[in-house]
Structure formats: C-alpha cells, structure tokens
C-alpha atoms as a PDB file:
ATOM      1  CA  MET A   1      -3.744  -8.048  -4.343  1.00  0.00           C
ATOM      2  CA  ARG A   2      -1.568 -10.009  -1.953  1.00  0.00           C
ATOM      3  CA  THR A   3      -0.532  -8.458   1.356  1.00  0.00           C
ATOM      4  CA  ARG A   4       2.797  -9.720   2.657  1.00  0.00           C
ATOM      5  CA  ALA A   5       5.433  -8.937   5.258  1.00  0.00           C
ATOM      6  CA  SER A   6       8.120  -8.724   2.573  1.00  0.00           C
ATOM      7  CA  VAL A   7       7.691  -8.214  -1.153  1.00  0.00           C
ATOM      8  CA  LYS A   8      10.134  -9.061  -3.927  1.00  0.00           C
ATOM      9  CA  ALA A   9       9.974  -7.939  -7.534  1.00  0.00           C
ATOM     10  CA  ASP A  10      11.104 -10.072 -10.468  1.00  0.00           C
ATOM     11  CA  PRO A  11      12.011  -7.655 -13.286  1.00  0.00           C
ATOM     12  CA  THR A  12      12.224 -10.492 -15.811  1.00  0.00           C
ATOM     13  CA  LYS A  13       8.463 -11.001 -15.384  1.00  0.00           C
ATOM     14  CA  GLY A  14       7.721  -7.264 -15.582  1.00  0.00           C
ATOM     15  CA  ASP A  15       7.471  -6.418 -11.872  1.00  0.00           C
ATOM     16  CA  LYS A  16       8.207  -2.898 -10.632  1.00  0.00           C
ATOM     17  CA  LEU A  17       8.645  -1.713  -7.039  1.00  0.00           C
ATOM     18  CA  VAL A  18       6.727   1.469  -6.233  1.00  0.00           C
ATOM     19  CA  ARG A  19       6.463   3.382  -2.958  1.00  0.00           C
ATOM     20  CA  ARG A  20       3.102   5.085  -2.476  1.00  0.00           C
ATOM     21  CA  SER A  21       2.091   6.915   0.699  1.00  0.00           C
ATOM     22  CA  GLY A  22       4.614   5.049   2.829  1.00  0.00           C
ATOM     23  CA  ARG A  23       3.809   1.551   1.576  1.00  0.00           C
ATOM     24  CA  LEU A  24       5.762  -0.618  -0.816  1.00  0.00           C
ATOM     25  CA  TYR A  25       3.870  -2.032  -3.804  1.00  0.00           C
ATOM     26  CA  VAL A  26       4.801  -4.433  -6.592  1.00  0.00           C
ATOM     27  CA  ILE A  27       2.955  -3.593  -9.807  1.00  0.00           C
ATOM     28  CA  ASN A  28       2.979  -5.512 -13.062  1.00  0.00           C
ATOM     29  CA  LYS A  29       1.273  -4.280 -16.221  1.00  0.00           C
ATOM     30  CA  LYS A  30       1.950  -7.514 -18.115  1.00  0.00           C
ATOM     31  CA  ASP A  31       0.350  -9.747 -15.457  1.00  0.00           C
ATOM     32  CA  PRO A  32      -1.894  -7.739 -13.064  1.00  0.00           C
ATOM     33  CA  ASN A  33      -2.472 -10.832 -10.894  1.00  0.00           C
ATOM     34  CA  ARG A  34       1.093 -10.451  -9.570  1.00  0.00           C
ATOM     35  CA  LYS A  35       0.213  -7.295  -7.578  1.00  0.00           C
ATOM     36  CA  GLN A  36       1.562  -7.224  -4.018  1.00  0.00           C
ATOM     37  CA  ARG A  37       1.537  -4.782  -1.112  1.00  0.00           C
ATOM     38  CA  GLN A  38       3.830  -4.807   1.876  1.00  0.00           C
ATOM     39  CA  LYS A  39       2.198  -4.604   5.270  1.00  0.00           C
ATOM     40  CA  GLY A  40       2.943  -1.203   6.684  1.00  0.00           C
ATOM     41  CA  PRO A  41       1.920   1.102   9.481  1.00  0.00           C
ATOM     42  CA  ALA A  42      -1.807   1.459  10.002  1.00  0.00           C
ATOM     43  CA  ARG A  43      -3.401   4.599   8.665  1.00  0.00           C
ATOM     44  CA  LYS A  44      -3.973   7.350  11.177  1.00  0.00           C
ATOM     45  CA  LYS A  45      -7.594   7.841  12.115  1.00  0.00           C
ATOM     46  CA  ALA A  46      -9.082  11.305  11.917  1.00  0.00           C
ATOM     47  CA  LYS A  47      -9.569  12.838  15.331  1.00  0.00           C
ATOM     48  CA  LYS A  48     -13.050  13.992  16.178  1.00  0.00           C
ATOM     49  CA  ASP A  49     -13.136  17.341  17.908  1.00  0.00           C
ATOM     50  CA  LEU A  50     -15.882  17.038  20.506  1.00  0.00           C
ATOM     51  CA  PHE A  51     -15.501  20.594  21.785  1.00  0.00           C
ATOM     52  CA  SER A  52     -16.171  22.392  18.498  1.00  0.00           C
ATOM     53  CA  ILE A  53     -19.904  21.650  18.457  1.00  0.00           C
ATOM     54  CA  SER A  54     -21.773  24.916  18.010  1.00  0.00           C
ATOM     55  CA  VAL A  55     -24.983  25.417  19.956  1.00  0.00           C
END
C-alpha cells in the first residue's frame, strides 16, 4: 500500500475512494497493487492512568 499526501482515483481502472476512520483510501478489486492511503492525523495513543493502581 502506498502512503501519499494526496490520492487520486481513476474510475476507468476500477479505483474507488473510501473514507475509513478519518483516512482516505483508494481501493481496487481488479488490481490490488493500486491501493493507496492518504497521510492523515496520527492515531491517538491510549492514556495510562497511573493513579488507578490498586494496592
């Protein structure tokens, strides 16, 4: 899968634009090697709660 700043879909070659969890993807069932993903915001890290440790 290619990661790019901007993605473009070519419908004549079977590309489809799909938005999943805030990111833009190009999928192609005819030619899976044409997959692309647009660079998006980084995923949020889970916060560790240091004060909830039971003794």
